[in-house]
Amino acid sequence: MSLLRSGAPEGAQEKEELPEPDFLRLPQPGQCFSARAARLRQLAQNSAQPQFLRFCAHLAQAQQQTLEEFPAVPLPDADVLAQLDGKLPPLPAHLYARAPAWLEALRHLAQRMQTHAPQGSRAALAALARARAERLETYADWVLHGARGERAAGELDEICAAVLAGALQVYWTRMVTDLARRIPGALGRIRDATCCPCCGALPVTSVLRGAGQRYLHCALCGSQWHMERAKCSHCESTYGITYQAPQPADGRGQAPSVQVEVCSACRHYLKIVHAERDDTADALADDLATPTLDARLNEAGIRRRGVNLMRLCEGMPAVSRAA
């Protein structure tokens, strides 16, 4: 791992008079999960964990189908949104009363993924599909804010946790895109710039796009919100920011598509995915494919800022910062 200069990610020097970036980039419901599935299949070809990445690719493809079939669900009206006054996101993961439709999405995913899961997880997925609504809601509480579901967390293996989280991703993606269509202007800046302005979840990574524009990518609903470069996504410090990346084997290879932003002030880190270098890059997929970066930073006592919902059983924090 090489230490890069502080102040800006490699290949992203500041330019004068850049156009003002859009603050919010919403997920594209027609392709958000299918594009992720394609990226995961690509990354699995050269991965030390190809089976897990291929399973996640199958899950993402199943999420795409589930999203396309997902029914309309209740959403907050304009009066409710006006009362928030930019203090809270309109669809807060840690507070929102979930509609029963998400349970049907979960059962559909759990049944479909049994044929793609490791042999040891198939019975657990079948049990997940049959579980009572109350138990599934407890699991969801653990995924979203780690409160009432703490004891239940031990009952979920990595595969079941990923499928359950996948259903919640579909549900929130559908709500965010529906709300944006029904009430233009409903989604925008909130008081806490470090969490998703749509659902309040943590980012999975940040994404660097053209003209050096940096967006944090929501782990739950898939929305992306702009945050200026060289600023900690946890404590918002602009000092002591450094960037780390894997060193190409021969020292002359292509620049890495993933870096890590490290803040010396709060000792947290968040990965940066370079979408401007590879337009097939995906925040969740590219994060899953670089576990050695996490391991090295954890060994150094630097904590991860974000969360990847496909790896909740590895001790990562809950989705909601409020937890």
Protein backbone atom coordinates (compact mmCIF):
# COMPACT_ATOMS: atom_id res chain seq x y z
CA MET A 1 0.00 0.00 0.00
CA SER A 2 1.40 3.35 -0.96
CA LEU A 3 0.86 6.63 0.84
CA LEU A 4 -0.14 9.44 -1.51
CA ARG A 5 0.09 13.14 -0.92
CA SER A 6 -2.49 14.81 1.28
CA GLY A 7 -4.99 17.30 -0.06
CA ALA A 8 -6.48 15.58 -3.11
CA PRO A 9 -6.91 12.06 -4.48
CA GLU A 10 -4.37 10.94 -7.07
CA GLY A 11 -5.22 12.23 -10.53
CA ALA A 12 -7.76 14.72 -9.14
CA GLN A 13 -5.92 18.01 -8.80
CA GLU A 14 -8.03 21.07 -8.24
CA LYS A 15 -9.01 23.10 -11.29
CA GLU A 16 -10.16 26.67 -11.30
CA GLU A 17 -13.70 27.64 -12.19
CA LEU A 18 -15.14 24.14 -12.26
CA PRO A 19 -18.87 23.98 -13.01
CA GLU A 20 -21.08 23.80 -9.93
CA PRO A 21 -21.88 20.09 -9.45
CA ASP A 22 -25.37 18.80 -8.93
CA PHE A 23 -25.80 18.15 -5.24
CA LEU A 24 -27.81 14.93 -5.58
CA ARG A 25 -27.60 12.03 -8.01
CA LEU A 26 -30.48 9.59 -7.60
CA PRO A 27 -30.31 5.86 -8.41
CA GLN A 28 -31.48 4.86 -11.89
CA PRO A 29 -34.17 2.24 -11.20
CA GLY A 30 -33.92 0.68 -14.63
CA GLN A 31 -30.31 -0.41 -14.21
CA CYS A 32 -28.86 0.33 -10.77
CA PHE A 33 -28.75 -3.28 -9.59
CA SER A 34 -28.16 -4.93 -12.97
CA ALA A 35 -25.12 -2.70 -13.56
CA ARG A 36 -23.82 -3.73 -10.15
CA ALA A 37 -24.35 -7.39 -11.02
CA ALA A 38 -22.26 -6.98 -14.18
CA ARG A 39 -19.46 -5.28 -12.25
CA LEU A 40 -19.44 -8.01 -9.60
CA ARG A 41 -19.16 -10.70 -12.26
CA GLN A 42 -16.24 -8.83 -13.79
CA LEU A 43 -14.45 -8.39 -10.47
CA ALA A 44 -14.99 -12.05 -9.52
CA GLN A 45 -12.75 -13.15 -12.40
CA ASN A 46 -9.60 -11.91 -10.65
CA SER A 47 -10.71 -12.09 -7.03
CA ALA A 48 -9.43 -14.13 -4.10
CA GLN A 49 -13.09 -14.63 -3.14
CA PRO A 50 -14.81 -15.37 -6.48
CA GLN A 51 -17.65 -17.46 -5.05
CA PHE A 52 -18.87 -14.72 -2.73
CA LEU A 53 -18.66 -12.04 -5.43
CA ARG A 54 -20.57 -14.26 -7.84
CA PHE A 55 -23.22 -14.84 -5.19
CA CYS A 56 -23.52 -11.08 -4.71
CA ALA A 57 -23.82 -10.70 -8.50
CA HIS A 58 -26.76 -13.12 -8.52
CA LEU A 59 -28.28 -11.22 -5.61
CA ALA A 60 -27.93 -7.88 -7.39
CA GLN A 61 -29.60 -9.29 -10.50
CA ALA A 62 -32.44 -10.62 -8.34
CA GLN A 63 -32.71 -7.20 -6.69
CA GLN A 64 -33.16 -5.62 -10.13
CA GLN A 65 -36.08 -7.90 -10.93
CA THR A 66 -37.59 -7.35 -7.49
CA LEU A 67 -37.31 -3.58 -7.88
CA GLU A 68 -39.05 -3.68 -11.24
CA GLU A 69 -41.92 -5.67 -9.70
CA PHE A 70 -42.08 -3.74 -6.43
CA PRO A 71 -45.51 -2.24 -5.72
CA ALA A 72 -46.17 1.39 -4.85
CA VAL A 73 -45.87 2.07 -1.11
CA PRO A 74 -47.05 4.95 1.12
CA LEU A 75 -44.81 8.02 1.10
CA PRO A 76 -44.74 11.20 3.20
CA ASP A 77 -46.83 14.04 1.79
CA ALA A 78 -45.74 17.62 1.19
CA ASP A 79 -46.98 18.81 4.60
CA VAL A 80 -44.88 16.21 6.43
CA LEU A 81 -41.83 17.09 4.35
CA ALA A 82 -42.28 20.79 5.10
CA GLN A 83 -42.14 20.07 8.84
CA LEU A 84 -38.70 18.47 8.48
CA ASP A 85 -37.28 21.81 7.35
CA GLY A 86 -34.04 20.24 6.16
CA LYS A 87 -33.16 18.84 9.59
CA LEU A 88 -33.86 15.19 8.82
CA PRO A 89 -33.97 13.14 5.62
CA PRO A 90 -37.52 12.54 4.34
CA LEU A 91 -37.18 8.73 4.50
CA PRO A 92 -35.01 8.17 7.60
CA ALA A 93 -33.84 4.57 7.93
CA HIS A 94 -33.69 4.71 11.73
CA LEU A 95 -37.21 6.13 12.16
CA TYR A 96 -39.31 5.15 9.17
CA ALA A 97 -42.29 2.80 9.66
CA ARG A 98 -41.68 0.12 7.04
CA ALA A 99 -44.55 -0.99 4.80
CA PRO A 100 -45.27 -4.76 4.61
CA ALA A 101 -44.22 -4.81 0.95
CA TRP A 102 -40.57 -5.04 1.96
CA LEU A 103 -41.27 -8.38 3.64
CA GLU A 104 -42.62 -9.82 0.42
CA ALA A 105 -39.50 -8.60 -1.36
CA LEU A 106 -37.36 -10.34 1.25
CA ARG A 107 -39.23 -13.62 0.94
CA HIS A 108 -38.93 -13.48 -2.84
CA LEU A 109 -35.18 -12.88 -2.65
CA ALA A 110 -34.62 -15.56 0.00
CA GLN A 111 -36.42 -18.16 -2.11
CA ARG A 112 -34.70 -17.19 -5.33
CA MET A 113 -31.20 -17.06 -3.86
CA GLN A 114 -31.29 -20.59 -2.45
CA THR A 115 -30.07 -22.04 -5.74
CA HIS A 116 -27.07 -19.68 -5.79
CA ALA A 117 -26.12 -19.84 -2.11
CA PRO A 118 -23.43 -22.09 -0.61
CA GLN A 119 -24.83 -25.44 0.45
CA GLY A 120 -24.51 -24.59 4.13
CA SER A 121 -26.72 -21.49 3.82
CA ARG A 122 -29.60 -22.90 1.79
CA ALA A 123 -31.58 -24.22 4.74
CA ALA A 124 -31.08 -20.91 6.56
CA LEU A 125 -32.41 -19.00 3.54
CA ALA A 126 -35.43 -21.29 3.40
CA ALA A 127 -36.08 -20.60 7.08
CA LEU A 128 -35.66 -16.87 6.46
CA ALA A 129 -38.33 -17.01 3.75
CA ARG A 130 -40.73 -18.70 6.20
CA ALA A 131 -39.97 -16.58 9.27
CA ARG A 132 -42.70 -14.58 10.96
CA ALA A 133 -42.97 -10.90 10.17
CA GLU A 134 -42.06 -9.92 13.73
CA ARG A 135 -38.77 -11.80 13.54
CA LEU A 136 -37.91 -10.30 10.15
CA GLU A 137 -38.63 -6.81 11.42
CA THR A 138 -36.23 -7.45 14.29
CA TYR A 139 -33.55 -8.49 11.83
CA ALA A 140 -34.23 -5.33 9.83
CA ASP A 141 -33.79 -3.21 12.96
CA TRP A 142 -30.33 -4.71 13.40
CA VAL A 143 -29.37 -3.99 9.79
CA LEU A 144 -30.64 -0.41 9.90
CA HIS A 145 -29.63 0.81 13.34
CA GLY A 146 -28.37 -2.02 15.50
CA ALA A 147 -30.83 -1.36 18.30
CA ARG A 148 -33.60 -3.84 19.00
CA GLY A 149 -32.08 -6.52 16.81
CA GLU A 150 -28.73 -6.98 18.53
CA ARG A 151 -29.47 -10.41 19.92
CA ALA A 152 -31.05 -11.54 16.67
CA ALA A 153 -27.93 -10.62 14.73
CA GLY A 154 -26.20 -13.79 15.85
CA GLU A 155 -28.89 -15.86 14.17
CA LEU A 156 -27.99 -14.57 10.69
CA ASP A 157 -25.05 -15.88 8.71
CA GLU A 158 -23.31 -13.73 6.10
CA ILE A 159 -25.51 -14.96 3.25
CA CYS A 160 -28.83 -14.42 5.06
CA ALA A 161 -27.75 -10.99 6.28
CA ALA A 162 -26.85 -9.97 2.72
CA VAL A 163 -30.20 -11.13 1.35
CA LEU A 164 -32.13 -9.35 4.10
CA ALA A 165 -30.16 -6.16 3.54
CA GLY A 166 -30.71 -6.55 -0.20
CA ALA A 167 -34.47 -6.44 0.30
CA LEU A 168 -34.13 -3.25 2.34
CA GLN A 169 -32.01 -1.72 -0.42
CA VAL A 170 -34.74 -2.46 -2.96
CA TYR A 171 -37.40 -0.98 -0.70
CA TRP A 172 -35.54 2.27 -0.03
CA THR A 173 -34.45 2.63 -3.65
CA ARG A 174 -38.07 2.37 -4.73
CA MET A 175 -39.23 4.90 -2.13
CA VAL A 176 -36.54 7.44 -3.00
CA THR A 177 -37.15 7.29 -6.74
CA ASP A 178 -40.94 7.42 -6.27
CA LEU A 179 -40.74 10.37 -3.90
CA ALA A 180 -38.50 12.31 -6.26
CA ARG A 181 -40.96 11.74 -9.09
CA ARG A 182 -44.11 12.56 -7.12
CA ILE A 183 -42.87 15.62 -5.25
CA PRO A 184 -40.14 17.47 -7.16
CA GLY A 185 -37.76 19.16 -4.75
CA ALA A 186 -38.60 16.82 -1.89
CA LEU A 187 -35.01 15.59 -1.73
CA GLY A 188 -32.15 17.96 -1.03
CA ARG A 189 -29.61 19.07 1.55
CA ILE A 190 -30.06 18.25 5.22
CA ARG A 191 -28.27 19.46 8.32
CA ASP A 192 -25.87 16.50 8.58
CA ALA A 193 -23.80 16.54 5.39
CA THR A 194 -22.07 13.25 6.24
CA CYS A 195 -25.12 10.99 5.89
CA CYS A 196 -27.53 10.39 3.04
CA PRO A 197 -29.92 13.31 2.52
CA CYS A 198 -32.62 10.89 1.37
CA CYS A 199 -32.57 8.14 4.02
CA GLY A 200 -29.91 9.14 6.57
CA ALA A 201 -27.77 6.04 5.99
CA LEU A 202 -23.98 5.99 5.97
CA PRO A 203 -22.03 5.93 2.72
CA VAL A 204 -20.49 2.71 1.43
CA THR A 205 -17.71 4.62 -0.34
CA SER A 206 -17.23 7.92 -2.07
CA VAL A 207 -17.12 8.08 -5.87
CA LEU A 208 -14.90 10.39 -7.90
CA ARG A 209 -16.46 11.48 -11.18
CA GLY A 210 -15.52 13.75 -14.07
CA ALA A 211 -13.98 17.15 -13.30
CA GLY A 212 -12.90 15.73 -9.95
CA GLN A 213 -16.40 15.85 -8.49
CA ARG A 214 -16.70 13.70 -5.39
CA TYR A 215 -19.93 12.08 -4.24
CA LEU A 216 -20.71 9.95 -1.20
CA HIS A 217 -22.64 6.83 -2.23
CA CYS A 218 -25.43 5.73 0.12
CA ALA A 219 -25.18 2.15 1.35
CA LEU A 220 -28.96 1.77 1.56
CA CYS A 221 -30.89 3.68 -1.12
CA GLY A 222 -28.06 4.15 -3.62
CA SER A 223 -28.36 7.93 -3.80
CA GLN A 224 -25.18 9.99 -4.17
CA TRP A 225 -24.60 13.40 -2.64
CA HIS A 226 -21.81 15.85 -3.33
CA MET A 227 -19.08 16.54 -0.80
CA GLU A 228 -15.99 18.54 -1.67
CA ARG A 229 -12.70 16.73 -1.90
CA ALA A 230 -10.08 16.63 0.87
CA LYS A 231 -12.76 16.73 3.54
CA CYS A 232 -13.33 13.95 6.04
CA SER A 233 -16.66 12.21 5.48
CA HIS A 234 -16.91 11.51 9.21
CA CYS A 235 -15.76 14.58 11.15
CA GLU A 236 -15.63 17.01 8.18
CA SER A 237 -12.06 18.04 8.99
CA THR A 238 -10.08 19.50 6.08
CA TYR A 239 -6.70 18.94 7.75
CA GLY A 240 -4.57 15.83 7.95
CA ILE A 241 -6.28 14.03 5.05
CA THR A 242 -4.10 11.48 3.28
CA TYR A 243 -4.79 8.93 0.55
CA GLN A 244 -3.62 5.34 0.31
CA ALA A 245 -3.86 2.82 -2.51
CA PRO A 246 -2.51 -0.59 -3.47
CA GLN A 247 0.77 -0.31 -5.34
CA PRO A 248 0.68 -1.96 -8.81
CA ALA A 249 2.81 -5.11 -8.82
CA ASP A 250 5.36 -3.79 -11.30
CA GLY A 251 5.15 -0.17 -10.22
CA ARG A 252 4.09 0.84 -13.74
CA GLY A 253 0.56 -0.59 -13.94
CA GLN A 254 -2.71 1.22 -14.43
CA ALA A 255 -3.65 3.62 -11.64
CA PRO A 256 -5.79 1.84 -9.03
CA SER A 257 -9.55 2.26 -9.26
CA VAL A 258 -9.90 2.30 -5.46
CA GLN A 259 -8.11 4.49 -2.92
CA VAL A 260 -8.63 5.07 0.77
CA GLU A 261 -9.13 8.50 2.32
CA VAL A 262 -7.72 8.59 5.85
CA CYS A 263 -8.39 11.35 8.37
CA SER A 264 -5.71 11.82 11.04
CA ALA A 265 -8.06 14.00 13.11
CA CYS A 266 -10.67 11.33 13.86
CA ARG A 267 -8.77 8.24 12.60
CA HIS A 268 -11.56 7.10 10.29
CA TYR A 269 -11.32 6.14 6.64
CA LEU A 270 -13.57 5.78 3.60
CA LYS A 271 -12.70 4.29 0.25
CA ILE A 272 -12.82 6.32 -2.95
CA VAL A 273 -13.93 4.58 -6.16
CA HIS A 274 -12.60 6.24 -9.32
CA ALA A 275 -15.55 6.15 -11.71
CA GLU A 276 -13.78 8.68 -13.93
CA ARG A 277 -11.18 5.99 -14.68
CA ASP A 278 -13.65 3.16 -15.24
CA ASP A 279 -17.30 3.86 -16.00
CA THR A 280 -18.24 0.31 -14.98
CA ALA A 281 -17.01 0.87 -11.41
CA ASP A 282 -19.62 0.46 -8.69
CA ALA A 283 -19.33 1.71 -5.11
CA LEU A 284 -20.57 -1.44 -3.41
CA ALA A 285 -18.96 -3.92 -5.80
CA ASP A 286 -15.52 -2.31 -5.86
CA ASP A 287 -15.58 -2.02 -2.09
CA LEU A 288 -16.33 -5.74 -1.74
CA ALA A 289 -13.46 -6.56 -4.07
CA THR A 290 -10.83 -4.74 -1.96
CA PRO A 291 -10.99 -6.32 1.52
CA THR A 292 -7.23 -6.19 2.02
CA LEU A 293 -7.40 -2.40 2.23
CA ASP A 294 -9.84 -2.72 5.14
CA ALA A 295 -7.69 -5.33 6.85
CA ARG A 296 -4.54 -3.20 6.73
CA LEU A 297 -6.26 -0.10 8.04
CA ASN A 298 -8.03 -2.01 10.79
CA GLU A 299 -4.69 -3.45 11.87
CA ALA A 300 -3.39 0.12 12.12
CA GLY A 301 -6.29 1.08 14.41
CA ILE A 302 -8.09 3.20 11.82
CA ARG A 303 -11.85 2.73 11.82
CA ARG A 304 -14.05 2.43 8.78
CA ARG A 305 -16.49 5.28 8.31
CA GLY A 306 -19.00 3.61 6.01
CA VAL A 307 -20.77 0.29 5.77
CA ASN A 308 -21.30 -2.32 3.06
CA LEU A 309 -24.60 -4.11 3.45
CA MET A 310 -23.23 -7.25 1.82
CA ARG A 311 -20.73 -7.61 4.68
CA LEU A 312 -22.74 -6.80 7.79
CA CYS A 313 -21.60 -9.92 9.62
CA GLU A 314 -17.98 -8.73 9.70
CA GLY A 315 -18.50 -6.28 12.54
CA MET A 316 -19.17 -3.20 10.48
CA PRO A 317 -21.30 -0.44 12.01
CA ALA A 318 -25.04 -0.23 11.53
CA VAL A 319 -26.40 1.68 8.55
CA SER A 320 -27.71 4.62 10.54
CA ARG A 321 -25.34 7.12 12.11
CA ALA A 322 -28.05 7.84 14.67
CA ALA A 323 -27.51 4.42 16.20
